[in-house]
Amino acid sequence: MYVDVIGVQEYSSIAVGFLALDAIVKAAPVNILATRIVTPGKFIVLFTGDVASVEASLTAGKDSREEDLLDELFIPNLDRKVIPAIAGPVSVQEWDALGIIESLSVTAGIVAADLAAKEAEVRIPEIRLAGGMGGKSTIKVMGRLEDVEASLAAGAGYVQGKGLLCRQVLIPRPHPDIWGHLLKAEREVDEIWK
């Protein structure tokens, strides 16, 4: 399924997350892409639909318990590389350079991936959202060195501006021996959210 409109809300309470989820689906005809409980006891919901429906559902979720809303995002023109990279990993043939953005937030990580993908001709082979990382996210960007540098500047710049950048790294010409450790060939869907 191609998704180009996305709404995400991140709540500090699991119980409130379910309350918000109910409000989100009652507000407009949206498609829930995923809901997950993540460390340390947060609730995240990702959904799609037409622009007006996603906007209405974001408002309804926020109105249900705004004081527990940690972060949210709305992207009406999401880059088509983002959702496959969240489901990932995506096969990549170009290994000239590898960039990694590590964010302290799931929502900031999704925005960083979208900005990185739109900035230059790069591949986004994997976006890890909170899986075993205490609620962090990592975005891997691959391509020609100058393109990866530009993508890192765009994505990490956004996350840094929000005060949520943990680290960013650039690895020119990654050694072939690390390839098998960069992307997991198979993983359970729930593993990306732990």
C-alpha atoms as a PDB file:
ATOM      1  CA  MET A   1       0.000   0.000   0.000  1.00  0.00           C
ATOM      2  CA  TYR A   2       1.381   3.394  -0.982  1.00  0.00           C
ATOM      3  CA  VAL A   3       1.001   5.933   1.808  1.00  0.00           C
ATOM      4  CA  ASP A   4       1.607   9.637   1.198  1.00  0.00           C
ATOM      5  CA  VAL A   5      -0.349  11.147   4.116  1.00  0.00           C
ATOM      6  CA  ILE A   6       0.585  10.201   7.662  1.00  0.00           C
ATOM      7  CA  GLY A   7      -0.442  11.220  11.134  1.00  0.00           C
ATOM      8  CA  VAL A   8       1.401  10.058  14.253  1.00  0.00           C
ATOM      9  CA  GLN A   9       0.693  10.694  17.906  1.00  0.00           C
ATOM     10  CA  GLU A  10       2.889   9.649  20.821  1.00  0.00           C
ATOM     11  CA  TYR A  11       1.316   9.521  24.300  1.00  0.00           C
ATOM     12  CA  SER A  12       2.969   9.264  27.714  1.00  0.00           C
ATOM     13  CA  SER A  13       0.255   6.892  28.952  1.00  0.00           C
ATOM     14  CA  ILE A  14      -0.805   3.548  27.507  1.00  0.00           C
ATOM     15  CA  ALA A  15      -4.368   3.896  28.821  1.00  0.00           C
ATOM     16  CA  VAL A  16      -4.702   7.400  27.371  1.00  0.00           C
ATOM     17  CA  GLY A  17      -3.234   6.118  24.104  1.00  0.00           C
ATOM     18  CA  PHE A  18      -6.159   3.747  23.732  1.00  0.00           C
ATOM     19  CA  LEU A  19      -8.582   6.545  24.604  1.00  0.00           C
ATOM     20  CA  ALA A  20      -6.990   8.690  21.883  1.00  0.00           C
ATOM     21  CA  LEU A  21      -7.051   5.789  19.409  1.00  0.00           C
ATOM     22  CA  ASP A  22     -10.805   5.493  19.904  1.00  0.00           C
ATOM     23  CA  ALA A  23     -11.228   9.229  19.304  1.00  0.00           C
ATOM     24  CA  ILE A  24      -8.996   9.064  16.208  1.00  0.00           C
ATOM     25  CA  VAL A  25     -11.006   6.336  14.477  1.00  0.00           C
ATOM     26  CA  LYS A  26     -14.361   7.865  15.451  1.00  0.00           C
ATOM     27  CA  ALA A  27     -13.432  11.291  14.075  1.00  0.00           C
ATOM     28  CA  ALA A  28     -12.887  10.389  10.416  1.00  0.00           C
ATOM     29  CA  PRO A  29     -12.350   7.477   8.025  1.00  0.00           C
ATOM     30  CA  VAL A  30      -8.643   6.793   8.617  1.00  0.00           C
ATOM     31  CA  ASN A  31      -6.613   3.622   8.233  1.00  0.00           C
ATOM     32  CA  ILE A  32      -4.553   2.665  11.293  1.00  0.00           C
ATOM     33  CA  LEU A  33      -1.086   1.625  10.073  1.00  0.00           C
ATOM     34  CA  ALA A  34       0.156   0.580  13.519  1.00  0.00           C
ATOM     35  CA  THR A  35      -0.344   1.036  17.231  1.00  0.00           C
ATOM     36  CA  ARG A  36       2.338   0.050  19.680  1.00  0.00           C
ATOM     37  CA  ILE A  37       3.291   0.218  23.310  1.00  0.00           C
ATOM     38  CA  VAL A  38       6.955   1.207  23.569  1.00  0.00           C
ATOM     39  CA  THR A  39       9.492   1.627  26.318  1.00  0.00           C
ATOM     40  CA  PRO A  40       9.157   3.380  28.733  1.00  0.00           C
ATOM     41  CA  GLY A  41       5.378   2.867  28.773  1.00  0.00           C
ATOM     42  CA  LYS A  42       4.390   5.118  25.871  1.00  0.00           C
ATOM     43  CA  PHE A  43       1.671   4.522  23.275  1.00  0.00           C
ATOM     44  CA  ILE A  44       2.150   5.388  19.613  1.00  0.00           C
ATOM     45  CA  VAL A  45      -0.395   5.392  16.808  1.00  0.00           C
ATOM     46  CA  LEU A  46       0.390   5.813  13.082  1.00  0.00           C
ATOM     47  CA  PHE A  47      -2.468   6.323  10.642  1.00  0.00           C
ATOM     48  CA  THR A  48      -3.267   7.437   7.123  1.00  0.00           C
ATOM     49  CA  GLY A  49      -6.191   8.644   5.048  1.00  0.00           C
ATOM     50  CA  ASP A  50      -6.995  11.694   2.997  1.00  0.00           C
ATOM     51  CA  VAL A  51      -5.589  14.996   4.237  1.00  0.00           C
ATOM     52  CA  ALA A  52      -8.812  16.258   5.815  1.00  0.00           C
ATOM     53  CA  SER A  53      -9.494  12.957   7.602  1.00  0.00           C
ATOM     54  CA  VAL A  54      -5.978  12.733   9.052  1.00  0.00           C
ATOM     55  CA  GLU A  55      -6.172  16.345  10.245  1.00  0.00           C
ATOM     56  CA  ALA A  56      -9.563  15.724  11.882  1.00  0.00           C
ATOM     57  CA  SER A  57      -8.325  12.555  13.566  1.00  0.00           C
ATOM     58  CA  LEU A  58      -5.186  14.287  14.871  1.00  0.00           C
ATOM     59  CA  THR A  59      -7.376  16.975  16.420  1.00  0.00           C
ATOM     60  CA  ALA A  60      -9.683  14.388  17.974  1.00  0.00           C
ATOM     61  CA  GLY A  61      -6.766  12.424  19.423  1.00  0.00           C
ATOM     62  CA  LYS A  62      -5.260  15.582  20.896  1.00  0.00           C
ATOM     63  CA  ASP A  63      -8.596  16.728  22.292  1.00  0.00           C
ATOM     64  CA  SER A  64      -9.089  13.417  24.074  1.00  0.00           C
ATOM     65  CA  ARG A  65      -6.211  14.115  26.499  1.00  0.00           C
ATOM     66  CA  GLU A  66      -3.783  16.779  25.274  1.00  0.00           C
ATOM     67  CA  GLU A  67      -1.804  16.861  28.534  1.00  0.00           C
ATOM     68  CA  ASP A  68      -0.583  13.300  27.825  1.00  0.00           C
ATOM     69  CA  LEU A  69       0.408  13.977  24.204  1.00  0.00           C
ATOM     70  CA  LEU A  70       4.216  13.912  24.002  1.00  0.00           C
ATOM     71  CA  ASP A  71       4.605  14.556  20.294  1.00  0.00           C
ATOM     72  CA  GLU A  72       2.708  14.394  17.037  1.00  0.00           C
ATOM     73  CA  LEU A  73       3.269  14.871  13.369  1.00  0.00           C
ATOM     74  CA  PHE A  74       1.296  15.383  10.218  1.00  0.00           C
ATOM     75  CA  ILE A  75       2.938  14.949   6.831  1.00  0.00           C
ATOM     76  CA  PRO A  76       0.553  15.449   3.893  1.00  0.00           C
ATOM     77  CA  ASN A  77       3.164  14.530   1.262  1.00  0.00           C
ATOM     78  CA  LEU A  78       5.235  11.750   2.826  1.00  0.00           C
ATOM     79  CA  ASP A  79       8.119  10.485   0.689  1.00  0.00           C
ATOM     80  CA  ARG A  80       7.287   7.058  -0.690  1.00  0.00           C
ATOM     81  CA  LYS A  81      10.522   5.561   0.744  1.00  0.00           C
ATOM     82  CA  VAL A  82       9.484   6.063   4.384  1.00  0.00           C
ATOM     83  CA  ILE A  83       6.767   3.448   4.990  1.00  0.00           C
ATOM     84  CA  PRO A  84       8.690   0.578   3.292  1.00  0.00           C
ATOM     85  CA  ALA A  85      11.749   1.478   5.403  1.00  0.00           C
ATOM     86  CA  ILE A  86       9.644   1.319   8.587  1.00  0.00           C
ATOM     87  CA  ALA A  87       8.404  -2.120   7.520  1.00  0.00           C
ATOM     88  CA  GLY A  88      11.967  -2.807   6.175  1.00  0.00           C
ATOM     89  CA  PRO A  89      14.578  -3.591   5.605  1.00  0.00           C
ATOM     90  CA  VAL A  90      14.683  -2.468   1.979  1.00  0.00           C
ATOM     91  CA  SER A  91      17.361  -3.906  -0.315  1.00  0.00           C
ATOM     92  CA  VAL A  92      20.141  -1.471  -1.236  1.00  0.00           C
ATOM     93  CA  GLN A  93      22.761  -1.945  -3.925  1.00  0.00           C
ATOM     94  CA  GLU A  94      24.604   1.392  -3.559  1.00  0.00           C
ATOM     95  CA  TRP A  95      27.063   1.288  -0.645  1.00  0.00           C
ATOM     96  CA  ASP A  96      29.229   4.331  -1.322  1.00  0.00           C
ATOM     97  CA  ALA A  97      28.255   5.903   2.006  1.00  0.00           C
ATOM     98  CA  LEU A  98      26.101   5.183   5.028  1.00  0.00           C
ATOM     99  CA  GLY A  99      24.536   7.819   7.253  1.00  0.00           C
ATOM    100  CA  ILE A 100      22.719   7.123  10.498  1.00  0.00           C
ATOM    101  CA  ILE A 101      20.512   9.525  12.431  1.00  0.00           C
ATOM    102  CA  GLU A 102      19.673   8.526  16.003  1.00  0.00           C
ATOM    103  CA  SER A 103      16.724  10.414  17.474  1.00  0.00           C
ATOM    104  CA  LEU A 104      15.350  10.440  21.008  1.00  0.00           C
ATOM    105  CA  SER A 105      11.807  10.411  19.572  1.00  0.00           C
ATOM    106  CA  VAL A 106       9.842   8.196  17.203  1.00  0.00           C
ATOM    107  CA  THR A 107       7.963  11.087  15.616  1.00  0.00           C
ATOM    108  CA  ALA A 108      11.094  13.183  15.114  1.00  0.00           C
ATOM    109  CA  GLY A 109      12.731  10.152  13.501  1.00  0.00           C
ATOM    110  CA  ILE A 110       9.903   9.779  10.985  1.00  0.00           C
ATOM    111  CA  VAL A 111      10.120  13.456  10.032  1.00  0.00           C
ATOM    112  CA  ALA A 112      13.928  13.170   9.755  1.00  0.00           C
ATOM    113  CA  ALA A 113      13.568  10.205   7.398  1.00  0.00           C
ATOM    114  CA  ASP A 114      11.072  12.085   5.235  1.00  0.00           C
ATOM    115  CA  LEU A 115      13.339  15.147   5.029  1.00  0.00           C
ATOM    116  CA  ALA A 116      16.430  13.020   4.335  1.00  0.00           C
ATOM    117  CA  ALA A 117      14.645  11.145   1.537  1.00  0.00           C
ATOM    118  CA  LYS A 118      13.449  14.367  -0.077  1.00  0.00           C
ATOM    119  CA  GLU A 119      16.800  16.154   0.171  1.00  0.00           C
ATOM    120  CA  ALA A 120      18.862  14.005  -2.225  1.00  0.00           C
ATOM    121  CA  GLU A 121      18.936  10.816  -4.277  1.00  0.00           C
ATOM    122  CA  VAL A 122      19.380   8.325  -1.444  1.00  0.00           C
ATOM    123  CA  ARG A 123      17.910   5.043  -0.305  1.00  0.00           C
ATOM    124  CA  ILE A 124      16.365   4.619   3.117  1.00  0.00           C
ATOM    125  CA  PRO A 125      16.883   0.913   3.791  1.00  0.00           C
ATOM    126  CA  GLU A 126      15.641   0.895   7.365  1.00  0.00           C
ATOM    127  CA  ILE A 127      13.888   3.026   9.946  1.00  0.00           C
ATOM    128  CA  ARG A 128      13.888   1.476  13.414  1.00  0.00           C
ATOM    129  CA  LEU A 129      11.230   2.847  15.713  1.00  0.00           C
ATOM    130  CA  ALA A 130      11.817   2.276  19.419  1.00  0.00           C
ATOM    131  CA  GLY A 131      12.794  -1.410  19.087  1.00  0.00           C
ATOM    132  CA  GLY A 132      14.941  -2.171  22.121  1.00  0.00           C
ATOM    133  CA  MET A 133      16.151   1.419  22.158  1.00  0.00           C
ATOM    134  CA  GLY A 134      14.148   3.032  24.954  1.00  0.00           C
ATOM    135  CA  GLY A 135      11.833   4.944  22.646  1.00  0.00           C
ATOM    136  CA  LYS A 136      14.553   6.153  20.255  1.00  0.00           C
ATOM    137  CA  SER A 137      14.527   5.816  16.484  1.00  0.00           C
ATOM    138  CA  THR A 138      17.302   5.299  13.947  1.00  0.00           C
ATOM    139  CA  ILE A 139      17.258   6.146  10.282  1.00  0.00           C
ATOM    140  CA  LYS A 140      19.775   4.617   7.872  1.00  0.00           C
ATOM    141  CA  VAL A 141      20.511   6.512   4.653  1.00  0.00           C
ATOM    142  CA  MET A 142      22.639   5.087   1.831  1.00  0.00           C
ATOM    143  CA  GLY A 143      23.876   6.385  -1.493  1.00  0.00           C
ATOM    144  CA  ARG A 144      26.654   8.494  -2.957  1.00  0.00           C
ATOM    145  CA  LEU A 145      28.700  10.326  -0.345  1.00  0.00           C
ATOM    146  CA  GLU A 146      27.573  13.837  -1.299  1.00  0.00           C
ATOM    147  CA  ASP A 147      23.908  12.769  -1.339  1.00  0.00           C
ATOM    148  CA  VAL A 148      24.159  11.070   2.052  1.00  0.00           C
ATOM    149  CA  GLU A 149      25.857  14.163   3.501  1.00  0.00           C
ATOM    150  CA  ALA A 150      23.028  16.375   2.224  1.00  0.00           C
ATOM    151  CA  SER A 151      20.371  13.990   3.534  1.00  0.00           C
ATOM    152  CA  LEU A 152      22.014  13.789   6.953  1.00  0.00           C
ATOM    153  CA  ALA A 153      22.180  17.569   7.159  1.00  0.00           C
ATOM    154  CA  ALA A 154      18.453  17.853   6.417  1.00  0.00           C
ATOM    155  CA  GLY A 155      17.219  15.027   8.659  1.00  0.00           C
ATOM    156  CA  ALA A 156      19.584  15.477  11.589  1.00  0.00           C
ATOM    157  CA  GLY A 157      19.213  19.252  11.382  1.00  0.00           C
ATOM    158  CA  TYR A 158      15.489  18.929  11.987  1.00  0.00           C
ATOM    159  CA  VAL A 159      15.941  16.551  14.939  1.00  0.00           C
ATOM    160  CA  GLN A 160      18.664  18.757  16.437  1.00  0.00           C
ATOM    161  CA  GLY A 161      16.397  21.781  16.121  1.00  0.00           C
ATOM    162  CA  LYS A 162      13.841  19.975  18.287  1.00  0.00           C
ATOM    163  CA  GLY A 163      16.543  19.125  20.853  1.00  0.00           C
ATOM    164  CA  LEU A 164      16.078  15.395  20.173  1.00  0.00           C
ATOM    165  CA  LEU A 165      19.255  14.452  18.310  1.00  0.00           C
ATOM    166  CA  CYS A 166      21.167  11.688  20.049  1.00  0.00           C
ATOM    167  CA  ARG A 167      23.844  11.178  17.351  1.00  0.00           C
ATOM    168  CA  GLN A 168      24.483  11.282  13.636  1.00  0.00           C
ATOM    169  CA  VAL A 169      27.286   9.432  11.881  1.00  0.00           C
ATOM    170  CA  LEU A 170      28.625   9.266   8.340  1.00  0.00           C
ATOM    171  CA  ILE A 171      30.576   6.221   7.177  1.00  0.00           C
ATOM    172  CA  PRO A 172      32.211   6.649   3.763  1.00  0.00           C
ATOM    173  CA  ARG A 173      32.705   3.347   1.919  1.00  0.00           C
ATOM    174  CA  PRO A 174      31.430   1.012   4.687  1.00  0.00           C
ATOM    175  CA  HIS A 175      33.451  -2.203   4.885  1.00  0.00           C
ATOM    176  CA  PRO A 176      31.618  -5.222   3.415  1.00  0.00           C
ATOM    177  CA  ASP A 177      32.045  -7.135   6.695  1.00  0.00           C
ATOM    178  CA  ILE A 178      29.586  -4.802   8.456  1.00  0.00           C
ATOM    179  CA  TRP A 179      26.834  -5.134   5.854  1.00  0.00           C
ATOM    180  CA  GLY A 180      25.254  -8.153   7.508  1.00  0.00           C
ATOM    181  CA  HIS A 181      25.071  -6.289  10.817  1.00  0.00           C
ATOM    182  CA  LEU A 182      23.488  -3.101   9.469  1.00  0.00           C
ATOM    183  CA  LEU A 183      20.159  -4.501   8.343  1.00  0.00           C
ATOM    184  CA  LYS A 184      18.342  -7.444   9.810  1.00  0.00           C
ATOM    185  CA  ALA A 185      17.200  -9.822   7.095  1.00  0.00           C
ATOM    186  CA  GLU A 186      14.063 -10.786   8.976  1.00  0.00           C
ATOM    187  CA  ARG A 187      12.403  -9.515  12.087  1.00  0.00           C
ATOM    188  CA  GLU A 188       9.091  -9.824  13.788  1.00  0.00           C
ATOM    189  CA  VAL A 189       6.927  -6.753  13.366  1.00  0.00           C
ATOM    190  CA  ASP A 190       6.597  -6.318  17.136  1.00  0.00           C
ATOM    191  CA  GLU A 191      10.384  -6.299  17.572  1.00  0.00           C
ATOM    192  CA  ILE A 192      10.676  -2.829  16.020  1.00  0.00           C
ATOM    193  CA  TRP A 193       8.511  -1.395  18.782  1.00  0.00           C
ATOM    194  CA  LYS A 194       9.911  -2.880  22.000  1.00  0.00           C
END
